[in-house]
C-alpha atoms as a PDB file:
ATOM      1  CA  MET A   1     -40.562  28.255  -1.411  1.00  0.00           C
ATOM      2  CA  ALA A   2     -40.379  25.779  -4.263  1.00  0.00           C
ATOM      3  CA  GLN A   3     -40.008  21.977  -2.965  1.00  0.00           C
ATOM      4  CA  PRO A   4     -37.030  19.936  -4.436  1.00  0.00           C
ATOM      5  CA  ALA A   5     -38.239  17.505  -7.445  1.00  0.00           C
ATOM      6  CA  ALA A   6     -38.819  13.878  -6.527  1.00  0.00           C
ATOM      7  CA  GLY A   7     -35.681  11.998  -6.068  1.00  0.00           C
ATOM      8  CA  ALA A   8     -33.487  15.346  -5.939  1.00  0.00           C
ATOM      9  CA  VAL A   9     -31.688  16.077  -2.723  1.00  0.00           C
ATOM     10  CA  ASP A  10     -32.261  19.194  -0.824  1.00  0.00           C
ATOM     11  CA  PHE A  11     -28.713  20.715  -0.445  1.00  0.00           C
ATOM     12  CA  LYS A  12     -29.542  22.638   2.485  1.00  0.00           C
ATOM     13  CA  LEU A  13     -29.988  19.594   4.348  1.00  0.00           C
ATOM     14  CA  LEU A  14     -26.438  18.220   3.482  1.00  0.00           C
ATOM     15  CA  ARG A  15     -23.750  18.919   5.864  1.00  0.00           C
ATOM     16  CA  PRO A  16     -20.423  19.859   4.600  1.00  0.00           C
ATOM     17  CA  LYS A  17     -18.765  17.907   7.316  1.00  0.00           C
ATOM     18  CA  ASN A  18     -19.929  14.694   5.830  1.00  0.00           C
ATOM     19  CA  TYR A  19     -18.174  15.472   2.453  1.00  0.00           C
ATOM     20  CA  PHE A  20     -14.869  16.456   4.212  1.00  0.00           C
ATOM     21  CA  ALA A  21     -14.874  13.471   6.367  1.00  0.00           C
ATOM     22  CA  ASN A  22     -15.141  11.292   3.241  1.00  0.00           C
ATOM     23  CA  GLU A  23     -12.440  13.017   1.439  1.00  0.00           C
ATOM     24  CA  ARG A  24     -10.226  12.858   4.857  1.00  0.00           C
ATOM     25  CA  THR A  25     -10.731   9.164   4.930  1.00  0.00           C
ATOM     26  CA  PHE A  26      -9.881   9.005   1.186  1.00  0.00           C
ATOM     27  CA  ILE A  27      -6.572  10.747   1.812  1.00  0.00           C
ATOM     28  CA  SER A  28      -5.886   8.761   4.904  1.00  0.00           C
ATOM     29  CA  TRP A  29      -6.075   5.254   3.040  1.00  0.00           C
ATOM     30  CA  LEU A  30      -3.919   7.039   0.227  1.00  0.00           C
ATOM     31  CA  GLN A  31      -1.454   7.779   2.829  1.00  0.00           C
ATOM     32  CA  LEU A  32      -1.308   4.360   3.857  1.00  0.00           C
ATOM     33  CA  ALA A  33      -1.074   2.988   0.247  1.00  0.00           C
ATOM     34  CA  THR A  34       1.839   5.208  -0.612  1.00  0.00           C
ATOM     35  CA  THR A  35       3.782   3.983   2.429  1.00  0.00           C
ATOM     36  CA  MET A  36       3.253   0.603   1.305  1.00  0.00           C
ATOM     37  CA  GLY A  37       4.382   1.590  -2.088  1.00  0.00           C
ATOM     38  CA  GLY A  38       7.419   3.415  -0.540  1.00  0.00           C
ATOM     39  CA  LEU A  39       8.340   0.062   1.383  1.00  0.00           C
ATOM     40  CA  GLY A  40       8.132  -1.851  -1.900  1.00  0.00           C
ATOM     41  CA  LEU A  41      10.159   0.360  -3.723  1.00  0.00           C
ATOM     42  CA  ALA A  42      12.900   0.777  -0.986  1.00  0.00           C
ATOM     43  CA  LEU A  43      12.894  -3.144  -1.079  1.00  0.00           C
ATOM     44  CA  LEU A  44      13.458  -2.941  -4.727  1.00  0.00           C
ATOM     45  CA  ASN A  45      16.064  -0.366  -5.181  1.00  0.00           C
ATOM     46  CA  PHE A  46      17.979  -1.068  -1.768  1.00  0.00           C
ATOM     47  CA  GLY A  47      17.217  -4.419  -1.066  1.00  0.00           C
ATOM     48  CA  GLY A  48      19.904  -6.153  -3.708  1.00  0.00           C
ATOM     49  CA  SER A  49      19.177  -8.074  -6.612  1.00  0.00           C
ATOM     50  CA  GLY A  50      17.552 -11.350  -6.702  1.00  0.00           C
ATOM     51  CA  ILE A  51      14.273 -12.900  -7.123  1.00  0.00           C
ATOM     52  CA  ARG A  52      13.747 -13.058  -3.266  1.00  0.00           C
ATOM     53  CA  VAL A  53      13.679  -9.208  -3.057  1.00  0.00           C
ATOM     54  CA  ARG A  54      11.666  -8.887  -6.288  1.00  0.00           C
ATOM     55  CA  ILE A  55       9.149 -11.154  -4.590  1.00  0.00           C
ATOM     56  CA  SER A  56       8.768  -9.199  -1.425  1.00  0.00           C
ATOM     57  CA  ALA A  57       8.597  -5.693  -3.302  1.00  0.00           C
ATOM     58  CA  PHE A  58       5.880  -7.264  -5.774  1.00  0.00           C
ATOM     59  CA  VAL A  59       3.806  -8.269  -2.615  1.00  0.00           C
ATOM     60  CA  PHE A  60       4.268  -4.442  -1.316  1.00  0.00           C
ATOM     61  CA  GLU A  61       3.356  -2.951  -4.627  1.00  0.00           C
ATOM     62  CA  THR A  62       0.328  -5.016  -5.198  1.00  0.00           C
ATOM     63  CA  GLY A  63      -1.166  -4.469  -1.757  1.00  0.00           C
ATOM     64  CA  ALA A  64      -0.531  -0.659  -2.436  1.00  0.00           C
ATOM     65  CA  LEU A  65      -2.519  -0.728  -5.733  1.00  0.00           C
ATOM     66  CA  ALA A  66      -5.150  -2.837  -4.522  1.00  0.00           C
ATOM     67  CA  LEU A  67      -5.670  -0.036  -1.641  1.00  0.00           C
ATOM     68  CA  ILE A  68      -5.707   2.690  -3.874  1.00  0.00           C
ATOM     69  CA  VAL A  69      -8.431   0.850  -5.936  1.00  0.00           C
ATOM     70  CA  TYR A  70     -10.329   0.332  -2.799  1.00  0.00           C
ATOM     71  CA  ALA A  71      -9.898   4.007  -1.385  1.00  0.00           C
ATOM     72  CA  TYR A  72     -11.146   5.382  -4.868  1.00  0.00           C
ATOM     73  CA  ALA A  73     -14.222   2.891  -5.062  1.00  0.00           C
ATOM     74  CA  MET A  74     -15.459   3.642  -1.341  1.00  0.00           C
ATOM     75  CA  PHE A  75     -14.881   7.662  -1.860  1.00  0.00           C
ATOM     76  CA  TRP A  76     -17.050   7.489  -4.830  1.00  0.00           C
ATOM     77  CA  SER A  77     -19.586   5.202  -3.369  1.00  0.00           C
ATOM     78  CA  ARG A  78     -19.709   7.273   0.086  1.00  0.00           C
ATOM     79  CA  ALA A  79     -20.252  10.381  -2.101  1.00  0.00           C
ATOM     80  CA  ASN A  80     -22.996   8.955  -4.291  1.00  0.00           C
ATOM     81  CA  ARG A  81     -24.621   7.892  -0.784  1.00  0.00           C
ATOM     82  CA  LEU A  82     -24.236  11.352   0.759  1.00  0.00           C
ATOM     83  CA  ARG A  83     -25.886  12.801  -2.430  1.00  0.00           C
ATOM     84  CA  ARG A  84     -28.765  10.387  -2.260  1.00  0.00           C
ATOM     85  CA  GLY A  85     -29.173  11.104   1.535  1.00  0.00           C
ATOM     86  CA  ALA A  86     -28.932   7.473   2.183  1.00  0.00           C
ATOM     87  CA  ARG A  87     -29.006   6.218   5.836  1.00  0.00           C
ATOM     88  CA  GLY A  88     -27.186   3.344   7.403  1.00  0.00           C
ATOM     89  CA  SER A  89     -24.028   2.342   8.527  1.00  0.00           C
ATOM     90  CA  TRP A  90     -20.928   4.082   7.173  1.00  0.00           C
ATOM     91  CA  ASP A  91     -18.245   2.465   8.813  1.00  0.00           C
ATOM     92  CA  ASP A  92     -15.988  -0.194   7.544  1.00  0.00           C
ATOM     93  CA  ARG A  93     -15.059  -3.077   9.890  1.00  0.00           C
ATOM     94  CA  PHE A  94     -13.655  -5.594   7.299  1.00  0.00           C
ATOM     95  CA  VAL A  95     -10.797  -3.920   5.275  1.00  0.00           C
ATOM     96  CA  PRO A  96      -8.822  -2.340   8.310  1.00  0.00           C
ATOM     97  CA  ALA A  97      -8.610  -5.967   9.531  1.00  0.00           C
ATOM     98  CA  VAL A  98      -7.429  -7.218   6.143  1.00  0.00           C
ATOM     99  CA  VAL A  99      -5.013  -4.533   5.698  1.00  0.00           C
ATOM    100  CA  VAL A 100      -3.340  -5.546   9.060  1.00  0.00           C
ATOM    101  CA  ILE A 101      -3.196  -9.087   7.836  1.00  0.00           C
ATOM    102  CA  PHE A 102      -2.101  -8.393   4.707  1.00  0.00           C
ATOM    103  CA  PHE A 103       1.153  -6.122   6.503  1.00  0.00           C
ATOM    104  CA  ILE A 104       1.743  -9.174   8.545  1.00  0.00           C
ATOM    105  CA  PHE A 105       1.601 -11.540   5.721  1.00  0.00           C
ATOM    106  CA  ALA A 106       3.860  -9.340   3.626  1.00  0.00           C
ATOM    107  CA  THR A 107       6.249  -8.837   6.580  1.00  0.00           C
ATOM    108  CA  ALA A 108       6.456 -12.740   6.985  1.00  0.00           C
ATOM    109  CA  ILE A 109       6.914 -13.116   3.437  1.00  0.00           C
ATOM    110  CA  ASN A 110       9.734 -10.531   3.503  1.00  0.00           C
ATOM    111  CA  PHE A 111      11.687 -11.975   6.505  1.00  0.00           C
ATOM    112  CA  GLY A 112      10.975 -15.634   5.452  1.00  0.00           C
ATOM    113  CA  LEU A 113      12.538 -15.170   1.800  1.00  0.00           C
ATOM    114  CA  THR A 114      15.480 -13.075   3.570  1.00  0.00           C
ATOM    115  CA  PHE A 115      16.339 -15.465   6.255  1.00  0.00           C
ATOM    116  CA  HIS A 116      16.052 -18.516   3.777  1.00  0.00           C
ATOM    117  CA  LYS A 117      19.329 -17.883   2.434  1.00  0.00           C
ATOM    118  CA  LYS A 118      21.802 -20.576   3.667  1.00  0.00           C
ATOM    119  CA  THR A 119      24.824 -18.116   3.907  1.00  0.00           C
ATOM    120  CA  TYR A 120      25.072 -14.736   3.430  1.00  0.00           C
ATOM    121  CA  ILE A 121      27.965 -13.417   1.425  1.00  0.00           C
ATOM    122  CA  PRO A 122      28.146  -9.602   1.492  1.00  0.00           C
ATOM    123  CA  PRO A 123      28.312  -7.989  -2.045  1.00  0.00           C
ATOM    124  CA  LEU A 124      31.847  -6.930  -3.052  1.00  0.00           C
ATOM    125  CA  ASP A 125      32.692  -4.323  -5.850  1.00  0.00           C
ATOM    126  CA  ASN A 126      35.352  -5.113  -8.401  1.00  0.00           C
ATOM    127  CA  LEU A 127      37.981  -2.920  -6.352  1.00  0.00           C
ATOM    128  CA  ALA A 128      37.352  -4.806  -2.880  1.00  0.00           C
ATOM    129  CA  ALA A 129      37.523  -8.041  -4.652  1.00  0.00           C
ATOM    130  CA  ARG A 130      40.989  -7.344  -6.245  1.00  0.00           C
ATOM    131  CA  THR A 131      42.281  -5.916  -3.055  1.00  0.00           C
ATOM    132  CA  LEU A 132      41.352  -9.010  -1.047  1.00  0.00           C
ATOM    133  CA  SER A 133      42.449 -11.431  -3.452  1.00  0.00           C
ATOM    134  CA  GLY A 134      45.709  -9.773  -4.360  1.00  0.00           C
ATOM    135  CA  GLY A 135      44.771  -8.232  -7.448  1.00  0.00           C
ATOM    136  CA  VAL A 136      43.229 -11.721  -8.924  1.00  0.00           C
ATOM    137  CA  ARG A 137      39.360 -11.821  -8.608  1.00  0.00           C
ATOM    138  CA  GLN A 138      38.361 -15.169  -7.294  1.00  0.00           C
ATOM    139  CA  GLN A 139      35.239 -17.079  -8.024  1.00  0.00           C
ATOM    140  CA  ARG A 140      32.749 -17.123  -5.169  1.00  0.00           C
ATOM    141  CA  HIS A 141      30.606 -20.058  -4.407  1.00  0.00           C
END
């Protein structure tokens, strides 16, 4: 039986479950990024119009994009380590804590910007404004 060349990996020794675990981890990070992106889009589409809503949506969308880039980089890094047969620690202790802190930070920004408003005036459409004012639209301050 021929021996693998120097530097080559004997694929009989590699376990498919390690590759699948890497893919599952990648997909899990992508699911979290999709959730974050969905929150940002929901804020942007249904949060009203204004700079406060756009800032909150931008924070969530930026976090989602950063998480996608991180997941992609880690997936390929771990896949290369698997191909080389590298040993060592495979866990990531830093990024999950950063993601939790980011969610707390983004939610605090969203609440802070939402409750920073001095008074809340519900949005009115033209028909409701004319009905309430007797047919003449009044200026709102």
